Amino acid sequence: MDAARITDSLCYHTEGPRWSATWGDGGALRWVDMLAGDFLELDPRTGAISRTATGSPVVACVRPRADGGAVLAVEKGFALQDPDGTISLLPELWSEDVRMNEGAIAPDGSFYAGTMAYSRAEGAASMWRLLPDGSSRRVATGLTTSNGLDFTPDRARAFYIDTPTHRIDILDWDDEHGLVERRALIDLSEEDGNPDGLTIDADGRIWVAMNGAGTVLCLEESGEVLERIRVGARQSTACTFGGPDLATLYITTSRENLDPGEDPTAGSLYAVEPGARGQADELLFRG
């Protein structure tokens, strides 16, 4: 199955796509131009695309807020967007040469976001959690390139990727302690490319972007590959379901570290209807 290119190469390094019914007029897609510090929004009814600067040199992902607006992972911490569009950067959480990367809203309305060192140094990254009361805490260390994170439809577990491990891990959700008991689930070392962002559909299947291979894989928990979506740009970075019926898989791509003219559709947004749907009960940040 082939994904269709639906935008020009608008960005350098796109990541973190998310659809929310709380955005736009009945729902919209947002994704980030990470190293520009901007996020973009697509109105699927008109095709109009807007761009918003966050005030940070990096914005790694943008997720919906229960009272409107959004929560964002920015270069060295978090930010909040109010319903009127105003963005407030929260205090920086570290001084090291490390930036935020991917993240997800948890069942209790908190926001998890992982990091990576600019040097990609092994073990230099962490996982952070922004609680609804506005406090932040580091909840895991020893990571390298913290990437895809999403929760199962029953909210009892989450799937997670630290890219250099070449695998998908699973964690349990505990109402008191949050994400616990991380363990290996699916070995992707025999697949082309590197596992990057992921999303979980309404039936609990895992959709993971394989960066460098120009594909998105659909996987059962057993590791069985059910579908391979081909993407025209080889650096496929992340994916999410959206559209009014949640039947469209949107895929972000990157032209990071590419020479001018190389892989000319990189930096575009792609989309495909693969016969699956996203989770209708979306998780929202409650702060």
C-alpha atoms as a PDB file:
ATOM      1  CA  MET A   1       0.000   0.000   0.000  1.00  0.00           C
ATOM      2  CA  ASP A   2       1.309   3.462  -0.934  1.00  0.00           C
ATOM      3  CA  ALA A   3       0.794   6.686   1.001  1.00  0.00           C
ATOM      4  CA  ALA A   4      -0.040   9.823  -1.000  1.00  0.00           C
ATOM      5  CA  ARG A   5       1.920  13.046  -0.673  1.00  0.00           C
ATOM      6  CA  ILE A   6      -0.536  15.724   0.463  1.00  0.00           C
ATOM      7  CA  THR A   7       1.716  18.757   1.019  1.00  0.00           C
ATOM      8  CA  ASP A   8       4.821  20.285  -0.480  1.00  0.00           C
ATOM      9  CA  SER A   9       8.128  19.959   1.369  1.00  0.00           C
ATOM     10  CA  LEU A  10       7.098  22.543   3.936  1.00  0.00           C
ATOM     11  CA  CYS A  11       9.532  21.625   6.687  1.00  0.00           C
ATOM     12  CA  TYR A  12      13.058  20.502   7.435  1.00  0.00           C
ATOM     13  CA  HIS A  13      12.405  17.946  10.180  1.00  0.00           C
ATOM     14  CA  THR A  14       8.754  17.078  10.726  1.00  0.00           C
ATOM     15  CA  GLU A  15       7.671  14.946  13.683  1.00  0.00           C
ATOM     16  CA  GLY A  16       5.014  14.440  16.334  1.00  0.00           C
ATOM     17  CA  PRO A  17       1.724  14.450  14.348  1.00  0.00           C
ATOM     18  CA  ARG A  18      -1.532  14.391  16.307  1.00  0.00           C
ATOM     19  CA  TRP A  19      -5.190  14.803  15.406  1.00  0.00           C
ATOM     20  CA  SER A  20      -7.544  16.304  17.967  1.00  0.00           C
ATOM     21  CA  ALA A  21     -11.252  17.037  17.875  1.00  0.00           C
ATOM     22  CA  THR A  22     -10.470  20.030  20.147  1.00  0.00           C
ATOM     23  CA  TRP A  23      -8.492  21.863  17.442  1.00  0.00           C
ATOM     24  CA  GLY A  24      -9.885  23.828  14.547  1.00  0.00           C
ATOM     25  CA  ASP A  25     -13.566  23.717  13.638  1.00  0.00           C
ATOM     26  CA  GLY A  26     -14.433  20.132  14.558  1.00  0.00           C
ATOM     27  CA  GLY A  27     -10.945  18.666  14.391  1.00  0.00           C
ATOM     28  CA  ALA A  28      -7.540  19.330  12.889  1.00  0.00           C
ATOM     29  CA  LEU A  29      -4.106  17.784  12.501  1.00  0.00           C
ATOM     30  CA  ARG A  30      -1.011  19.319  14.065  1.00  0.00           C
ATOM     31  CA  TRP A  31       2.618  18.371  13.564  1.00  0.00           C
ATOM     32  CA  VAL A  32       5.968  20.026  14.265  1.00  0.00           C
ATOM     33  CA  ASP A  33       8.802  21.491  12.220  1.00  0.00           C
ATOM     34  CA  MET A  34      10.993  20.448  15.104  1.00  0.00           C
ATOM     35  CA  LEU A  35      14.267  22.306  14.619  1.00  0.00           C
ATOM     36  CA  ALA A  36      12.476  25.486  13.499  1.00  0.00           C
ATOM     37  CA  GLY A  37      10.532  25.641  16.768  1.00  0.00           C
ATOM     38  CA  ASP A  38       7.190  25.795  14.899  1.00  0.00           C
ATOM     39  CA  PHE A  39       4.109  23.644  14.689  1.00  0.00           C
ATOM     40  CA  LEU A  40       1.733  23.421  11.739  1.00  0.00           C
ATOM     41  CA  GLU A  41      -2.010  22.804  11.580  1.00  0.00           C
ATOM     42  CA  LEU A  42      -3.982  21.291   8.696  1.00  0.00           C
ATOM     43  CA  ASP A  43      -7.694  21.944   8.294  1.00  0.00           C
ATOM     44  CA  PRO A  44      -8.825  18.811   6.424  1.00  0.00           C
ATOM     45  CA  ARG A  45     -12.002  20.477   5.149  1.00  0.00           C
ATOM     46  CA  THR A  46     -10.237  23.277   3.293  1.00  0.00           C
ATOM     47  CA  GLY A  47      -6.664  21.998   3.039  1.00  0.00           C
ATOM     48  CA  ALA A  48      -5.465  25.232   4.631  1.00  0.00           C
ATOM     49  CA  ILE A  49      -2.201  24.987   6.581  1.00  0.00           C
ATOM     50  CA  SER A  50      -1.109  27.446   9.256  1.00  0.00           C
ATOM     51  CA  ARG A  51       2.243  27.732  11.051  1.00  0.00           C
ATOM     52  CA  THR A  52       2.771  28.851  14.657  1.00  0.00           C
ATOM     53  CA  ALA A  53       6.081  29.826  16.258  1.00  0.00           C
ATOM     54  CA  THR A  54       6.478  28.598  19.838  1.00  0.00           C
ATOM     55  CA  GLY A  55       9.264  30.925  20.969  1.00  0.00           C
ATOM     56  CA  SER A  56      11.587  27.968  21.541  1.00  0.00           C
ATOM     57  CA  PRO A  57      14.325  26.859  19.107  1.00  0.00           C
ATOM     58  CA  VAL A  58      12.865  23.347  19.231  1.00  0.00           C
ATOM     59  CA  VAL A  59       9.345  21.976  19.528  1.00  0.00           C
ATOM     60  CA  ALA A  60       9.283  18.192  19.613  1.00  0.00           C
ATOM     61  CA  CYS A  61       5.586  17.404  19.857  1.00  0.00           C
ATOM     62  CA  VAL A  62       2.226  19.072  20.431  1.00  0.00           C
ATOM     63  CA  ARG A  63      -0.703  17.412  22.186  1.00  0.00           C
ATOM     64  CA  PRO A  64      -4.262  18.585  23.040  1.00  0.00           C
ATOM     65  CA  ARG A  65      -5.278  20.185  26.323  1.00  0.00           C
ATOM     66  CA  ALA A  66      -8.617  19.432  27.999  1.00  0.00           C
ATOM     67  CA  ASP A  67      -9.616  23.097  28.321  1.00  0.00           C
ATOM     68  CA  GLY A  68      -8.468  23.941  24.788  1.00  0.00           C
ATOM     69  CA  GLY A  69      -5.082  24.812  23.339  1.00  0.00           C
ATOM     70  CA  ALA A  70      -2.171  22.430  23.708  1.00  0.00           C
ATOM     71  CA  VAL A  71       0.740  21.169  25.740  1.00  0.00           C
ATOM     72  CA  LEU A  72       4.112  21.115  24.015  1.00  0.00           C
ATOM     73  CA  ALA A  73       7.513  19.544  24.527  1.00  0.00           C
ATOM     74  CA  VAL A  74      10.025  22.284  23.682  1.00  0.00           C
ATOM     75  CA  GLU A  75      13.812  22.262  23.661  1.00  0.00           C
ATOM     76  CA  LYS A  76      14.544  21.992  27.375  1.00  0.00           C
ATOM     77  CA  GLY A  77      11.138  21.450  28.929  1.00  0.00           C
ATOM     78  CA  PHE A  78       7.462  22.143  28.395  1.00  0.00           C
ATOM     79  CA  ALA A  79       5.123  24.880  27.195  1.00  0.00           C
ATOM     80  CA  LEU A  80       1.389  25.517  27.317  1.00  0.00           C
ATOM     81  CA  GLN A  81      -0.831  27.030  24.656  1.00  0.00           C
ATOM     82  CA  ASP A  82      -4.032  28.663  25.902  1.00  0.00           C
ATOM     83  CA  PRO A  83      -7.301  28.463  23.944  1.00  0.00           C
ATOM     84  CA  ASP A  84      -6.681  31.979  22.622  1.00  0.00           C
ATOM     85  CA  GLY A  85      -3.391  30.824  21.080  1.00  0.00           C
ATOM     86  CA  THR A  86      -1.043  32.380  23.635  1.00  0.00           C
ATOM     87  CA  ILE A  87       2.012  30.175  24.278  1.00  0.00           C
ATOM     88  CA  SER A  88       3.818  30.245  27.644  1.00  0.00           C
ATOM     89  CA  LEU A  89       7.193  28.555  28.010  1.00  0.00           C
ATOM     90  CA  LEU A  90       7.624  26.832  31.385  1.00  0.00           C
ATOM     91  CA  PRO A  91      10.991  27.034  33.214  1.00  0.00           C
ATOM     92  CA  GLU A  92      13.825  25.065  31.610  1.00  0.00           C
ATOM     93  CA  LEU A  93      14.453  21.707  33.277  1.00  0.00           C
ATOM     94  CA  TRP A  94      18.120  21.142  32.414  1.00  0.00           C
ATOM     95  CA  SER A  95      21.195  22.913  31.042  1.00  0.00           C
ATOM     96  CA  GLU A  96      22.853  19.984  29.240  1.00  0.00           C
ATOM     97  CA  ASP A  97      23.063  19.861  25.423  1.00  0.00           C
ATOM     98  CA  VAL A  98      19.932  17.723  25.267  1.00  0.00           C
ATOM     99  CA  ARG A  99      16.560  18.413  23.637  1.00  0.00           C
ATOM    100  CA  MET A 100      13.049  17.042  23.918  1.00  0.00           C
ATOM    101  CA  ASN A 101      11.820  14.493  21.406  1.00  0.00           C
ATOM    102  CA  GLU A 102       8.531  12.519  21.287  1.00  0.00           C
ATOM    103  CA  GLY A 103       5.786  12.295  23.923  1.00  0.00           C
ATOM    104  CA  ALA A 104       2.220  11.261  24.791  1.00  0.00           C
ATOM    105  CA  ILE A 105      -0.639  12.121  27.120  1.00  0.00           C
ATOM    106  CA  ALA A 106      -1.220   9.532  29.862  1.00  0.00           C
ATOM    107  CA  PRO A 107      -4.564   8.229  31.202  1.00  0.00           C
ATOM    108  CA  ASP A 108      -4.390  10.557  34.237  1.00  0.00           C
ATOM    109  CA  GLY A 109      -3.993  13.625  32.017  1.00  0.00           C
ATOM    110  CA  SER A 110      -0.254  14.038  32.594  1.00  0.00           C
ATOM    111  CA  PHE A 111       2.207  14.442  29.717  1.00  0.00           C
ATOM    112  CA  TYR A 112       5.232  12.197  29.176  1.00  0.00           C
ATOM    113  CA  ALA A 113       8.046  13.364  26.894  1.00  0.00           C
ATOM    114  CA  GLY A 114      11.455  11.846  26.259  1.00  0.00           C
ATOM    115  CA  THR A 115      14.708  13.487  25.231  1.00  0.00           C
ATOM    116  CA  MET A 116      17.847  12.903  23.181  1.00  0.00           C
ATOM    117  CA  ALA A 117      21.317  14.463  23.221  1.00  0.00           C
ATOM    118  CA  TYR A 118      22.230  16.596  20.208  1.00  0.00           C
ATOM    119  CA  SER A 119      25.311  14.374  19.969  1.00  0.00           C
ATOM    120  CA  ARG A 120      23.072  11.264  20.168  1.00  0.00           C
ATOM    121  CA  ALA A 121      25.306  10.039  23.019  1.00  0.00           C
ATOM    122  CA  GLU A 122      24.257   6.673  24.370  1.00  0.00           C
ATOM    123  CA  GLY A 123      22.455   6.834  27.704  1.00  0.00           C
ATOM    124  CA  ALA A 124      22.318  10.645  27.823  1.00  0.00           C
ATOM    125  CA  ALA A 125      18.534  10.935  27.444  1.00  0.00           C
ATOM    126  CA  SER A 126      15.697  10.846  29.958  1.00  0.00           C
ATOM    127  CA  MET A 127      11.919  10.630  30.202  1.00  0.00           C
ATOM    128  CA  TRP A 128      10.093  13.549  31.830  1.00  0.00           C
ATOM    129  CA  ARG A 129       6.526  13.868  33.096  1.00  0.00           C
ATOM    130  CA  LEU A 130       4.520  17.089  33.341  1.00  0.00           C
ATOM    131  CA  LEU A 131       1.726  16.676  35.887  1.00  0.00           C
ATOM    132  CA  PRO A 132      -1.613  18.495  35.698  1.00  0.00           C
ATOM    133  CA  ASP A 133      -0.612  20.617  38.718  1.00  0.00           C
ATOM    134  CA  GLY A 134       2.258  22.074  36.663  1.00  0.00           C
ATOM    135  CA  SER A 135       5.100  20.215  38.378  1.00  0.00           C
ATOM    136  CA  SER A 136       7.652  18.263  36.343  1.00  0.00           C
ATOM    137  CA  ARG A 137       9.761  15.267  37.245  1.00  0.00           C
ATOM    138  CA  ARG A 138      12.351  13.075  35.580  1.00  0.00           C
ATOM    139  CA  VAL A 139      10.931   9.535  35.594  1.00  0.00           C
ATOM    140  CA  ALA A 140      13.558   7.533  33.660  1.00  0.00           C
ATOM    141  CA  THR A 141      17.241   7.891  32.736  1.00  0.00           C
ATOM    142  CA  GLY A 142      19.756   5.987  30.611  1.00  0.00           C
ATOM    143  CA  LEU A 143      17.816   6.401  27.359  1.00  0.00           C
ATOM    144  CA  THR A 144      19.412   7.408  24.059  1.00  0.00           C
ATOM    145  CA  THR A 145      16.836   8.530  21.467  1.00  0.00           C
ATOM    146  CA  SER A 146      13.472   8.484  23.208  1.00  0.00           C
ATOM    147  CA  ASN A 147      10.868   8.196  20.488  1.00  0.00           C
ATOM    148  CA  GLY A 148       7.369   6.791  19.902  1.00  0.00           C
ATOM    149  CA  LEU A 149       5.025   6.416  22.873  1.00  0.00           C
ATOM    150  CA  ASP A 150       1.303   5.628  22.859  1.00  0.00           C
ATOM    151  CA  PHE A 151      -1.290   3.934  25.056  1.00  0.00           C
ATOM    152  CA  THR A 152      -3.466   0.923  24.302  1.00  0.00           C
ATOM    153  CA  PRO A 153      -7.227   1.433  23.925  1.00  0.00           C
ATOM    154  CA  ASP A 154      -7.882  -0.018  27.404  1.00  0.00           C
ATOM    155  CA  ARG A 155      -5.310   2.428  28.864  1.00  0.00           C
ATOM    156  CA  ALA A 156      -3.688  -0.418  30.787  1.00  0.00           C
ATOM    157  CA  ARG A 157      -0.394  -0.428  28.860  1.00  0.00           C
ATOM    158  CA  ALA A 158       1.791   1.684  26.593  1.00  0.00           C
ATOM    159  CA  PHE A 159       4.170   0.885  23.743  1.00  0.00           C
ATOM    160  CA  TYR A 160       7.495   2.717  23.597  1.00  0.00           C
ATOM    161  CA  ILE A 161      10.586   3.056  21.384  1.00  0.00           C
ATOM    162  CA  ASP A 162      14.141   4.024  22.290  1.00  0.00           C
ATOM    163  CA  THR A 163      15.373   3.977  18.689  1.00  0.00           C
ATOM    164  CA  PRO A 164      18.897   2.461  19.028  1.00  0.00           C
ATOM    165  CA  THR A 165      17.437  -0.641  20.725  1.00  0.00           C
ATOM    166  CA  HIS A 166      15.678  -1.487  17.403  1.00  0.00           C
ATOM    167  CA  ARG A 167      12.658  -2.736  19.298  1.00  0.00           C
ATOM    168  CA  ILE A 168       9.246  -1.823  20.663  1.00  0.00           C
ATOM    169  CA  ASP A 169       8.926  -2.104  24.445  1.00  0.00           C
ATOM    170  CA  ILE A 170       5.795  -2.389  26.575  1.00  0.00           C
ATOM    171  CA  LEU A 171       5.032  -0.748  29.927  1.00  0.00           C
ATOM    172  CA  ASP A 172       2.161  -1.088  32.377  1.00  0.00           C
ATOM    173  CA  TRP A 173       0.061   1.821  33.589  1.00  0.00           C
ATOM    174  CA  ASP A 174      -0.343   2.185  37.344  1.00  0.00           C
ATOM    175  CA  ASP A 175      -2.748   4.838  38.641  1.00  0.00           C
ATOM    176  CA  GLU A 176      -0.410   5.677  41.529  1.00  0.00           C
ATOM    177  CA  HIS A 177       3.030   5.355  39.949  1.00  0.00           C
ATOM    178  CA  GLY A 178       2.388   6.025  36.246  1.00  0.00           C
ATOM    179  CA  LEU A 179       4.312   4.001  33.655  1.00  0.00           C
ATOM    180  CA  VAL A 180       6.105   1.020  35.204  1.00  0.00           C
ATOM    181  CA  GLU A 181       7.698  -2.345  34.356  1.00  0.00           C
ATOM    182  CA  ARG A 182       9.266  -1.599  30.974  1.00  0.00           C
ATOM    183  CA  ARG A 183      10.224  -4.747  29.059  1.00  0.00           C
ATOM    184  CA  ALA A 184      11.042  -5.751  25.486  1.00  0.00           C
ATOM    185  CA  LEU A 185       8.139  -6.729  23.227  1.00  0.00           C
ATOM    186  CA  ILE A 186       9.000  -6.717  19.479  1.00  0.00           C
ATOM    187  CA  ASP A 187      12.464  -7.017  17.931  1.00  0.00           C
ATOM    188  CA  LEU A 188      12.699  -4.938  14.733  1.00  0.00           C
ATOM    189  CA  SER A 189      16.419  -5.429  14.114  1.00  0.00           C
ATOM    190  CA  GLU A 190      15.763  -7.470  10.966  1.00  0.00           C
ATOM    191  CA  GLU A 191      13.590  -4.745   9.428  1.00  0.00           C
ATOM    192  CA  ASP A 192      14.959  -2.007   7.164  1.00  0.00           C
ATOM    193  CA  GLY A 193      15.274   1.389   8.813  1.00  0.00           C
ATOM    194  CA  ASN A 194      15.085   2.489  12.440  1.00  0.00           C
ATOM    195  CA  PRO A 195      11.885   2.540  14.531  1.00  0.00           C
ATOM    196  CA  ASP A 196      10.817   6.140  15.183  1.00  0.00           C
ATOM    197  CA  GLY A 197       7.323   7.418  16.035  1.00  0.00           C
ATOM    198  CA  LEU A 198       4.344   5.120  16.586  1.00  0.00           C
ATOM    199  CA  THR A 199       0.596   5.162  17.111  1.00  0.00           C
ATOM    200  CA  ILE A 200      -1.930   2.576  18.327  1.00  0.00           C
ATOM    201  CA  ASP A 201      -5.199   2.062  16.457  1.00  0.00           C
ATOM    202  CA  ALA A 202      -8.641   1.336  17.920  1.00  0.00           C
ATOM    203  CA  ASP A 203      -7.969  -2.427  17.763  1.00  0.00           C
ATOM    204  CA  GLY A 204      -4.649  -2.203  19.593  1.00  0.00           C
ATOM    205  CA  ARG A 205      -2.409  -2.706  16.559  1.00  0.00           C
ATOM    206  CA  ILE A 206       0.896  -0.841  16.430  1.00  0.00           C
ATOM    207  CA  TRP A 207       1.784   1.436  13.508  1.00  0.00           C
ATOM    208  CA  VAL A 208       5.465   2.431  13.513  1.00  0.00           C
ATOM    209  CA  ALA A 209       7.403   4.698  11.151  1.00  0.00           C
ATOM    210  CA  MET A 210      10.683   3.110  10.023  1.00  0.00           C
ATOM    211  CA  ASN A 211      13.049   6.025   9.487  1.00  0.00           C
ATOM    212  CA  GLY A 212      15.454   5.432   6.604  1.00  0.00           C
ATOM    213  CA  ALA A 213      13.256   2.809   4.974  1.00  0.00           C
ATOM    214  CA  GLY A 214      10.387   5.016   3.814  1.00  0.00           C
ATOM    215  CA  THR A 215       7.805   2.718   5.376  1.00  0.00           C
ATOM    216  CA  VAL A 216       5.242   2.448   8.137  1.00  0.00           C
ATOM    217  CA  LEU A 217       4.677  -1.039   9.551  1.00  0.00           C
ATOM    218  CA  CYS A 218       1.434  -2.296  11.084  1.00  0.00           C
ATOM    219  CA  LEU A 219       2.216  -4.897  13.752  1.00  0.00           C
ATOM    220  CA  GLU A 220       0.401  -7.226  16.069  1.00  0.00           C
ATOM    221  CA  GLU A 221       1.750  -7.500  19.621  1.00  0.00           C
ATOM    222  CA  SER A 222       3.199 -10.835  18.563  1.00  0.00           C
ATOM    223  CA  GLY A 223       5.452  -8.982  16.119  1.00  0.00           C
ATOM    224  CA  GLU A 224       3.604 -10.199  13.020  1.00  0.00           C
ATOM    225  CA  VAL A 225       3.711  -7.581  10.262  1.00  0.00           C
ATOM    226  CA  LEU A 226       0.171  -7.080   8.949  1.00  0.00           C
ATOM    227  CA  GLU A 227       0.819  -4.205   6.533  1.00  0.00           C
ATOM    228  CA  ARG A 228       3.671  -2.212   5.008  1.00  0.00           C
ATOM    229  CA  ILE A 229       2.846   1.323   3.947  1.00  0.00           C
ATOM    230  CA  ARG A 230       5.306   2.738   1.410  1.00  0.00           C
ATOM    231  CA  VAL A 231       6.179   6.428   1.793  1.00  0.00           C
ATOM    232  CA  GLY A 232       7.757   8.482  -0.982  1.00  0.00           C
ATOM    233  CA  ALA A 233      10.359  10.059   1.325  1.00  0.00           C
ATOM    234  CA  ARG A 234      12.695   7.585   2.973  1.00  0.00           C
ATOM    235  CA  GLN A 235      12.994   9.387   6.331  1.00  0.00           C
ATOM    236  CA  SER A 236       9.491   8.591   7.587  1.00  0.00           C
ATOM    237  CA  THR A 237       9.438   9.861  11.168  1.00  0.00           C
ATOM    238  CA  ALA A 238       6.029   9.385  12.814  1.00  0.00           C
ATOM    239  CA  CYS A 239       2.352   8.662  12.163  1.00  0.00           C
ATOM    240  CA  THR A 240      -1.101   9.198  13.641  1.00  0.00           C
ATOM    241  CA  PHE A 241      -4.720   8.528  12.719  1.00  0.00           C
ATOM    242  CA  GLY A 242      -6.991  11.473  12.010  1.00  0.00           C
ATOM    243  CA  GLY A 243      -9.752  12.941   9.928  1.00  0.00           C
ATOM    244  CA  PRO A 244     -13.390  13.222  11.037  1.00  0.00           C
ATOM    245  CA  ASP A 245     -13.755   9.423  10.961  1.00  0.00           C
ATOM    246  CA  LEU A 246     -10.189   8.751  12.229  1.00  0.00           C
ATOM    247  CA  ALA A 247      -9.599   6.571   9.168  1.00  0.00           C
ATOM    248  CA  THR A 248      -6.651   8.486   7.665  1.00  0.00           C
ATOM    249  CA  LEU A 249      -3.100   7.641   8.687  1.00  0.00           C
ATOM    250  CA  TYR A 250      -0.995  10.798   8.480  1.00  0.00           C
ATOM    251  CA  ILE A 251       2.779  10.334   8.152  1.00  0.00           C
ATOM    252  CA  THR A 252       5.497  12.926   8.709  1.00  0.00           C
ATOM    253  CA  THR A 253       8.846  12.896   6.909  1.00  0.00           C
ATOM    254  CA  SER A 254      12.180  14.666   7.335  1.00  0.00           C
ATOM    255  CA  ARG A 255      14.982  16.056   5.244  1.00  0.00           C
ATOM    256  CA  GLU A 256      17.369  16.302   8.201  1.00  0.00           C
ATOM    257  CA  ASN A 257      21.001  15.809   7.091  1.00  0.00           C
ATOM    258  CA  LEU A 258      20.050  15.510   3.416  1.00  0.00           C
ATOM    259  CA  ASP A 259      21.919  17.367   0.682  1.00  0.00           C
ATOM    260  CA  PRO A 260      20.028  19.956  -1.409  1.00  0.00           C
ATOM    261  CA  GLY A 261      18.000  18.136  -4.051  1.00  0.00           C
ATOM    262  CA  GLU A 262      18.360  14.763  -2.337  1.00  0.00           C
ATOM    263  CA  ASP A 263      15.073  12.919  -1.700  1.00  0.00           C
ATOM    264  CA  PRO A 264      13.035  15.881  -3.007  1.00  0.00           C
ATOM    265  CA  THR A 265       9.720  14.994  -1.319  1.00  0.00           C
ATOM    266  CA  ALA A 266      11.298  14.791   2.145  1.00  0.00           C
ATOM    267  CA  GLY A 267       9.730  17.238   4.599  1.00  0.00           C
ATOM    268  CA  SER A 268       6.255  16.604   3.181  1.00  0.00           C
ATOM    269  CA  LEU A 269       3.172  15.220   4.896  1.00  0.00           C
ATOM    270  CA  TYR A 270       1.783  11.937   3.561  1.00  0.00           C
ATOM    271  CA  ALA A 271      -1.556  10.217   4.110  1.00  0.00           C
ATOM    272  CA  VAL A 272      -3.244   6.875   3.432  1.00  0.00           C
ATOM    273  CA  GLU A 273      -6.491   5.104   4.383  1.00  0.00           C
ATOM    274  CA  PRO A 274      -5.267   1.649   5.440  1.00  0.00           C
ATOM    275  CA  GLY A 275      -8.594   0.181   6.595  1.00  0.00           C
ATOM    276  CA  ALA A 276      -8.038   0.874  10.300  1.00  0.00           C
ATOM    277  CA  ARG A 277      -9.193   3.660  12.604  1.00  0.00           C
ATOM    278  CA  GLY A 278      -7.659   5.631  15.414  1.00  0.00           C
ATOM    279  CA  GLN A 279      -8.848   5.647  19.001  1.00  0.00           C
ATOM    280  CA  ALA A 280     -11.989   7.763  19.398  1.00  0.00           C
ATOM    281  CA  ASP A 281     -11.495   8.385  23.138  1.00  0.00           C
ATOM    282  CA  GLU A 282      -8.565  10.792  22.900  1.00  0.00           C
ATOM    283  CA  LEU A 283      -6.318  11.516  25.855  1.00  0.00           C
ATOM    284  CA  LEU A 284      -6.081  15.192  26.860  1.00  0.00           C
ATOM    285  CA  PHE A 285      -3.656  17.046  29.103  1.00  0.00           C
ATOM    286  CA  ARG A 286      -5.565  18.158  32.192  1.00  0.00           C
ATOM    287  CA  GLY A 287      -3.371  21.049  33.291  1.00  0.00           C
END
